[in-house]
Amino acid sequence: MEIDLLLQTQCKRLRLPTFVRNYQKFAQEAAQHKQTYEQYLLALLEQEVLQREANQERRRIQAAKFPVLRTLDAFDFSIVPNVPKQKILQLARGEYITKCENVLFVGEIGTGKTHLATALGIAACRQGKRVRFFTAAGLINELTEARDEKRLLRLQTQLMKQDLVVLDEVGFVPFSTQGSQLLFQFCSERYQRGSMIFTTNLEFPRWTEVFGDAQLTGALLDRITHQCHIIECHGDSYRFKQSMKKRHAVP
């Protein structure tokens, strides 16, 4: 009993909570299978490492602030056959982040763009990458507030530390002149220094409707589309088709 208390105390001091939870159970299993002390210790260490990695992954996903958690295994590619499944799976490996490349999903509303962008973001979190999710309007609001409170440089520095920034819903609402300029500045700073994922319902010629200034829009698109994987998501609504498929599957 005294040894148990000492073990628990020392494990807590060393911040080894998984040791505390598992050392007795692992000791019984080691005795049953006649494992060596080294094998017993290795099993405990492996469990501690696995738990820490899982905790870190969970914290990265929470820090990304995804509005809804959506993964690739939950995406039904059969509903939107024009979306290149192999290309998406290739992107999920994360090499584009290492190369500071962008990904742009373009297509009508409801065709699965946000789901795919979120899924790639979660895949990046699981690979140890720092990710942050924004809507385009939400990011502009944060940049505007930071500028007004004279902390814009600090916010930009924080965001530049992210390996991947997901920018959803580009084109849903037009931006003010100041908002367009702030977003352009942000994207320009990340150009070839950090990856971004964009989703938009507008074809490129219509981006001027959102940003207002044709010259600024052209310069922004030039930066975004350079070294960019452009995925077209066209067709009927993914959400509608998914709902209908579930309805028909119910007996």
Foldseek 3Di string as FASTA:
>chain_A
DVVLVVVVVVCVVVVQVLCNVPLVVLVVVCVVVVHDPVVSVVVSVVSSVVVVLVVQLVVLLVQQPDVDQAAPVPADCVLQVQWDPVVLVVCLVPVCLVQLAEEEEEEAPQLCQSNSLNNSQSSCSNVVFREHEDELVRVLVVLVVCVVVVNNVVVLVVVLRGSEYEYEELPPAADDQSSLVSVLVSLVVSQSSHYYYYYYHDDLVCSCVRNVDPVSSVVSCVRNPDRYHYTYRYDDRSVVVVVVVVVVVPD
